Amino acid sequence: MQPLPAVLVHICGADEWQSAQTDGELRPDSLVSTGFVHLSTPEQVHLPANRLYAGRTDLVLLCVDPARLSSPIRWEPGVPTDPAAMVFPHLYGPLPADAVITV
């Protein structure tokens, strides 16, 4: 089991974050399609940023305090082109807005 870092990060559109603040939680499409919210460590966030969000200018980076999350986090592989043995934190539940400490 991987120790939790002090901060995890999540990339989303500014409009998604605005809605999450109103709703109290972020429920990205991945929560329905794969069952989890994609998170990263600050050191690895460039991989999904470049792979999934290249060219977008409407994004925010949410800095998340993992101690404020109540749903389970599982460390799982990304895609085959990621560095060998790299795993990403996946949150198996919605991301509470109050777990976001910096945007």
N, C-alpha and C. Protein backbone atom coordinates (compact mmCIF):
# COMPACT_ATOMS: atom_id res chain seq x y z
N MET A 1 0.84 -1.19 0.00
CA MET A 1 0.00 0.00 0.00
C MET A 1 0.88 1.24 0.00
N GLN A 2 0.49 2.18 -0.81
CA GLN A 2 1.23 3.43 -0.98
C GLN A 2 0.86 4.42 0.13
N PRO A 3 1.85 5.08 0.76
CA PRO A 3 1.52 6.11 1.75
C PRO A 3 0.91 7.32 1.04
N LEU A 4 -0.04 7.96 1.70
CA LEU A 4 -0.67 9.13 1.10
C LEU A 4 0.26 10.33 1.16
N PRO A 5 0.43 11.03 0.04
CA PRO A 5 1.21 12.26 0.07
C PRO A 5 0.40 13.36 0.76
N ALA A 6 1.04 14.46 1.07
CA ALA A 6 0.36 15.57 1.75
C ALA A 6 -0.72 16.19 0.86
N VAL A 7 -0.49 16.15 -0.46
CA VAL A 7 -1.43 16.76 -1.41
C VAL A 7 -1.59 15.86 -2.62
N LEU A 8 -2.82 15.72 -3.08
CA LEU A 8 -3.12 15.09 -4.36
C LEU A 8 -3.73 16.17 -5.25
N VAL A 9 -3.75 15.94 -6.55
CA VAL A 9 -4.29 16.95 -7.46
C VAL A 9 -5.28 16.32 -8.43
N HIS A 10 -6.18 17.18 -8.92
CA HIS A 10 -7.17 16.78 -9.92
C HIS A 10 -7.34 17.93 -10.90
N ILE A 11 -7.35 17.61 -12.18
CA ILE A 11 -7.55 18.60 -13.24
C ILE A 11 -9.01 18.56 -13.66
N CYS A 12 -9.61 19.75 -13.80
CA CYS A 12 -10.98 19.82 -14.33
C CYS A 12 -11.20 21.20 -14.94
N GLY A 13 -12.31 21.33 -15.64
CA GLY A 13 -12.69 22.62 -16.20
C GLY A 13 -13.13 23.57 -15.09
N ALA A 14 -12.89 24.85 -15.30
CA ALA A 14 -13.29 25.85 -14.32
C ALA A 14 -14.79 25.80 -14.06
N ASP A 15 -15.59 25.52 -15.08
CA ASP A 15 -17.04 25.43 -14.90
C ASP A 15 -17.42 24.23 -14.03
N GLU A 16 -16.69 23.12 -14.18
CA GLU A 16 -16.95 21.94 -13.34
C GLU A 16 -16.66 22.26 -11.87
N TRP A 17 -15.57 22.98 -11.63
CA TRP A 17 -15.21 23.35 -10.27
C TRP A 17 -16.24 24.31 -9.68
N GLN A 18 -16.71 25.25 -10.48
CA GLN A 18 -17.74 26.18 -10.01
C GLN A 18 -19.00 25.42 -9.61
N SER A 19 -19.43 24.46 -10.41
CA SER A 19 -20.60 23.64 -10.08
C SER A 19 -20.37 22.82 -8.82
N ALA A 20 -19.16 22.28 -8.67
CA ALA A 20 -18.84 21.47 -7.50
C ALA A 20 -18.93 22.30 -6.22
N GLN A 21 -18.53 23.56 -6.29
CA GLN A 21 -18.62 24.41 -5.11
C GLN A 21 -20.08 24.61 -4.70
N THR A 22 -20.96 24.74 -5.67
CA THR A 22 -22.39 24.89 -5.39
C THR A 22 -22.98 23.58 -4.87
N ASP A 23 -22.59 22.46 -5.51
CA ASP A 23 -23.14 21.15 -5.16
C ASP A 23 -22.50 20.53 -3.92
N GLY A 24 -21.31 21.02 -3.56
CA GLY A 24 -20.61 20.47 -2.40
C GLY A 24 -19.68 19.32 -2.74
N GLU A 25 -19.70 18.86 -4.00
CA GLU A 25 -18.82 17.77 -4.41
C GLU A 25 -18.66 17.77 -5.91
N LEU A 26 -17.54 17.22 -6.33
CA LEU A 26 -17.25 17.07 -7.76
C LEU A 26 -17.52 15.63 -8.15
N ARG A 27 -18.33 15.45 -9.19
CA ARG A 27 -18.66 14.13 -9.72
C ARG A 27 -18.35 14.13 -11.21
N PRO A 28 -17.07 13.97 -11.58
CA PRO A 28 -16.74 13.97 -13.01
C PRO A 28 -17.32 12.75 -13.71
N ASP A 29 -17.35 12.82 -15.03
CA ASP A 29 -17.89 11.71 -15.82
C ASP A 29 -17.23 10.39 -15.50
N SER A 30 -15.94 10.43 -15.14
CA SER A 30 -15.22 9.19 -14.84
C SER A 30 -15.82 8.44 -13.64
N LEU A 31 -16.46 9.15 -12.74
CA LEU A 31 -17.06 8.48 -11.59
C LEU A 31 -18.16 7.52 -12.05
N VAL A 32 -18.89 7.91 -13.08
CA VAL A 32 -19.93 7.03 -13.63
C VAL A 32 -19.31 5.98 -14.57
N SER A 33 -18.41 6.41 -15.45
CA SER A 33 -17.90 5.50 -16.48
C SER A 33 -16.90 4.47 -15.94
N THR A 34 -16.04 4.86 -14.98
CA THR A 34 -15.03 3.94 -14.47
C THR A 34 -15.17 3.66 -12.97
N GLY A 35 -16.02 4.43 -12.30
CA GLY A 35 -16.25 4.20 -10.88
C GLY A 35 -15.33 4.97 -9.95
N PHE A 36 -14.48 5.84 -10.51
CA PHE A 36 -13.58 6.60 -9.66
C PHE A 36 -13.25 7.96 -10.25
N VAL A 37 -12.71 8.83 -9.40
CA VAL A 37 -12.21 10.14 -9.80
C VAL A 37 -10.70 10.01 -9.97
N HIS A 38 -10.20 10.43 -11.12
CA HIS A 38 -8.76 10.39 -11.39
C HIS A 38 -8.05 11.46 -10.56
N LEU A 39 -7.07 11.04 -9.79
CA LEU A 39 -6.21 11.96 -9.06
C LEU A 39 -4.77 11.69 -9.49
N SER A 40 -3.88 12.57 -9.12
CA SER A 40 -2.45 12.41 -9.38
C SER A 40 -1.68 12.98 -8.22
N THR A 41 -0.42 12.65 -8.17
CA THR A 41 0.48 13.37 -7.28
C THR A 41 0.96 14.60 -8.05
N PRO A 42 1.45 15.62 -7.37
CA PRO A 42 1.98 16.78 -8.10
C PRO A 42 3.11 16.41 -9.06
N GLU A 43 3.89 15.39 -8.73
CA GLU A 43 5.02 14.98 -9.57
C GLU A 43 4.59 14.27 -10.85
N GLN A 44 3.40 13.73 -10.90
CA GLN A 44 2.98 12.96 -12.07
C GLN A 44 1.85 13.59 -12.85
N VAL A 45 1.31 14.72 -12.40
CA VAL A 45 0.14 15.31 -13.03
C VAL A 45 0.39 15.74 -14.48
N HIS A 46 1.65 15.98 -14.84
CA HIS A 46 1.95 16.37 -16.22
C HIS A 46 1.56 15.28 -17.22
N LEU A 47 1.57 14.03 -16.80
CA LEU A 47 1.23 12.94 -17.73
C LEU A 47 -0.24 13.01 -18.17
N PRO A 48 -1.21 13.00 -17.25
CA PRO A 48 -2.60 13.13 -17.71
C PRO A 48 -2.89 14.51 -18.29
N ALA A 49 -2.21 15.54 -17.80
CA ALA A 49 -2.45 16.89 -18.33
C ALA A 49 -2.12 16.93 -19.82
N ASN A 50 -0.95 16.42 -20.18
CA ASN A 50 -0.54 16.43 -21.59
C ASN A 50 -1.34 15.45 -22.43
N ARG A 51 -1.69 14.31 -21.87
CA ARG A 51 -2.39 13.27 -22.61
C ARG A 51 -3.87 13.62 -22.84
N LEU A 52 -4.52 14.19 -21.84
CA LEU A 52 -5.97 14.39 -21.91
C LEU A 52 -6.43 15.82 -22.15
N TYR A 53 -5.59 16.80 -21.82
CA TYR A 53 -6.06 18.18 -21.81
C TYR A 53 -5.23 19.13 -22.67
N ALA A 54 -4.39 18.62 -23.54
CA ALA A 54 -3.54 19.47 -24.37
C ALA A 54 -4.38 20.49 -25.14
N GLY A 55 -3.95 21.74 -25.09
CA GLY A 55 -4.62 22.80 -25.83
C GLY A 55 -5.78 23.47 -25.12
N ARG A 56 -6.24 22.90 -24.02
CA ARG A 56 -7.37 23.52 -23.30
C ARG A 56 -6.87 24.67 -22.45
N THR A 57 -7.68 25.72 -22.38
CA THR A 57 -7.30 26.90 -21.60
C THR A 57 -8.30 27.20 -20.49
N ASP A 58 -9.24 26.31 -20.29
CA ASP A 58 -10.30 26.53 -19.30
C ASP A 58 -10.11 25.68 -18.04
N LEU A 59 -8.91 25.21 -17.79
CA LEU A 59 -8.67 24.23 -16.74
C LEU A 59 -8.23 24.87 -15.42
N VAL A 60 -8.53 24.16 -14.34
CA VAL A 60 -8.00 24.49 -13.03
C VAL A 60 -7.37 23.23 -12.45
N LEU A 61 -6.41 23.43 -11.57
CA LEU A 61 -5.77 22.33 -10.88
C LEU A 61 -6.21 22.40 -9.43
N LEU A 62 -6.93 21.39 -8.99
CA LEU A 62 -7.41 21.33 -7.62
C LEU A 62 -6.39 20.62 -6.76
N CYS A 63 -5.95 21.26 -5.70
CA CYS A 63 -5.04 20.64 -4.73
C CYS A 63 -5.90 20.11 -3.60
N VAL A 64 -5.79 18.82 -3.36
CA VAL A 64 -6.70 18.10 -2.47
C VAL A 64 -5.94 17.58 -1.25
N ASP A 65 -6.53 17.79 -0.08
CA ASP A 65 -5.99 17.23 1.16
C ASP A 65 -6.55 15.82 1.31
N PRO A 66 -5.74 14.79 1.13
CA PRO A 66 -6.26 13.42 1.18
C PRO A 66 -6.86 13.06 2.54
N ALA A 67 -6.46 13.74 3.59
CA ALA A 67 -7.02 13.47 4.92
C ALA A 67 -8.49 13.89 5.01
N ARG A 68 -8.94 14.72 4.09
CA ARG A 68 -10.34 15.17 4.08
C ARG A 68 -11.24 14.32 3.20
N LEU A 69 -10.71 13.26 2.64
CA LEU A 69 -11.50 12.38 1.77
C LEU A 69 -12.06 11.22 2.59
N SER A 70 -13.33 10.92 2.37
CA SER A 70 -13.94 9.81 3.11
C SER A 70 -14.08 8.55 2.26
N SER A 71 -14.02 8.69 0.95
CA SER A 71 -14.10 7.52 0.07
C SER A 71 -12.71 6.90 -0.08
N PRO A 72 -12.65 5.62 -0.40
CA PRO A 72 -11.35 4.95 -0.53
C PRO A 72 -10.52 5.47 -1.70
N ILE A 73 -9.22 5.47 -1.48
CA ILE A 73 -8.25 5.77 -2.54
C ILE A 73 -7.48 4.48 -2.83
N ARG A 74 -7.42 4.13 -4.10
CA ARG A 74 -6.65 2.96 -4.51
C ARG A 74 -5.58 3.41 -5.50
N TRP A 75 -4.39 2.90 -5.32
CA TRP A 75 -3.27 3.21 -6.22
C TRP A 75 -3.25 2.17 -7.32
N GLU A 76 -3.48 2.62 -8.57
CA GLU A 76 -3.63 1.71 -9.69
C GLU A 76 -2.86 2.21 -10.90
N PRO A 77 -2.49 1.29 -11.80
CA PRO A 77 -1.75 1.69 -13.00
C PRO A 77 -2.54 2.66 -13.87
N GLY A 78 -1.80 3.49 -14.58
CA GLY A 78 -2.41 4.39 -15.56
C GLY A 78 -2.55 3.67 -16.89
N VAL A 79 -1.86 4.19 -17.90
CA VAL A 79 -1.89 3.58 -19.23
C VAL A 79 -0.53 2.96 -19.52
N PRO A 80 -0.47 2.05 -20.48
CA PRO A 80 0.79 1.35 -20.76
C PRO A 80 1.97 2.27 -21.11
N THR A 81 1.72 3.45 -21.63
CA THR A 81 2.82 4.35 -21.99
C THR A 81 3.37 5.13 -20.79
N ASP A 82 2.74 5.03 -19.63
CA ASP A 82 3.28 5.67 -18.44
C ASP A 82 4.55 4.95 -18.00
N PRO A 83 5.42 5.62 -17.26
CA PRO A 83 6.64 4.95 -16.80
C PRO A 83 6.33 3.64 -16.07
N ALA A 84 7.22 2.69 -16.21
CA ALA A 84 7.04 1.37 -15.60
C ALA A 84 6.80 1.50 -14.10
N ALA A 85 5.86 0.74 -13.61
CA ALA A 85 5.51 0.65 -12.18
C ALA A 85 4.86 1.91 -11.63
N MET A 86 4.53 2.90 -12.47
CA MET A 86 3.86 4.10 -11.95
C MET A 86 2.40 3.78 -11.68
N VAL A 87 1.92 4.20 -10.52
CA VAL A 87 0.52 4.04 -10.17
C VAL A 87 -0.05 5.40 -9.81
N PHE A 88 -1.35 5.54 -10.03
CA PHE A 88 -2.06 6.78 -9.78
C PHE A 88 -3.10 6.58 -8.69
N PRO A 89 -3.36 7.60 -7.89
CA PRO A 89 -4.41 7.49 -6.89
C PRO A 89 -5.79 7.69 -7.54
N HIS A 90 -6.68 6.75 -7.30
CA HIS A 90 -8.05 6.82 -7.80
C HIS A 90 -8.98 6.90 -6.60
N LEU A 91 -9.85 7.89 -6.60
CA LEU A 91 -10.81 8.10 -5.52
C LEU A 91 -12.12 7.43 -5.89
N TYR A 92 -12.52 6.44 -5.10
CA TYR A 92 -13.74 5.67 -5.37
C TYR A 92 -14.95 6.29 -4.68
N GLY A 93 -15.28 7.49 -5.13
CA GLY A 93 -16.41 8.25 -4.64
C GLY A 93 -16.24 9.68 -5.11
N PRO A 94 -17.23 10.52 -4.86
CA PRO A 94 -17.12 11.91 -5.30
C PRO A 94 -16.03 12.65 -4.52
N LEU A 95 -15.54 13.72 -5.11
CA LEU A 95 -14.53 14.55 -4.49
C LEU A 95 -15.22 15.69 -3.74
N PRO A 96 -15.20 15.68 -2.41
CA PRO A 96 -15.86 16.75 -1.65
C PRO A 96 -15.19 18.09 -1.91
N ALA A 97 -15.98 19.13 -2.13
CA ALA A 97 -15.43 20.46 -2.38
C ALA A 97 -14.60 20.94 -1.20
N ASP A 98 -14.98 20.55 0.02
CA ASP A 98 -14.22 21.02 1.17
C ASP A 98 -12.89 20.29 1.37
N ALA A 99 -12.60 19.29 0.53
CA ALA A 99 -11.28 18.64 0.56
C ALA A 99 -10.27 19.40 -0.30
N VAL A 100 -10.77 20.33 -1.13
CA VAL A 100 -9.90 21.13 -1.98
C VAL A 100 -9.35 22.29 -1.17
N ILE A 101 -8.02 22.34 -1.06
CA ILE A 101 -7.39 23.35 -0.21
C ILE A 101 -6.81 24.51 -1.00
N THR A 102 -6.56 24.31 -2.29
CA THR A 102 -6.03 25.35 -3.16
C THR A 102 -6.48 25.07 -4.59
N VAL A 103 -6.72 26.13 -5.34
CA VAL A 103 -7.07 26.01 -6.76
C VAL A 103 -6.06 26.82 -7.55
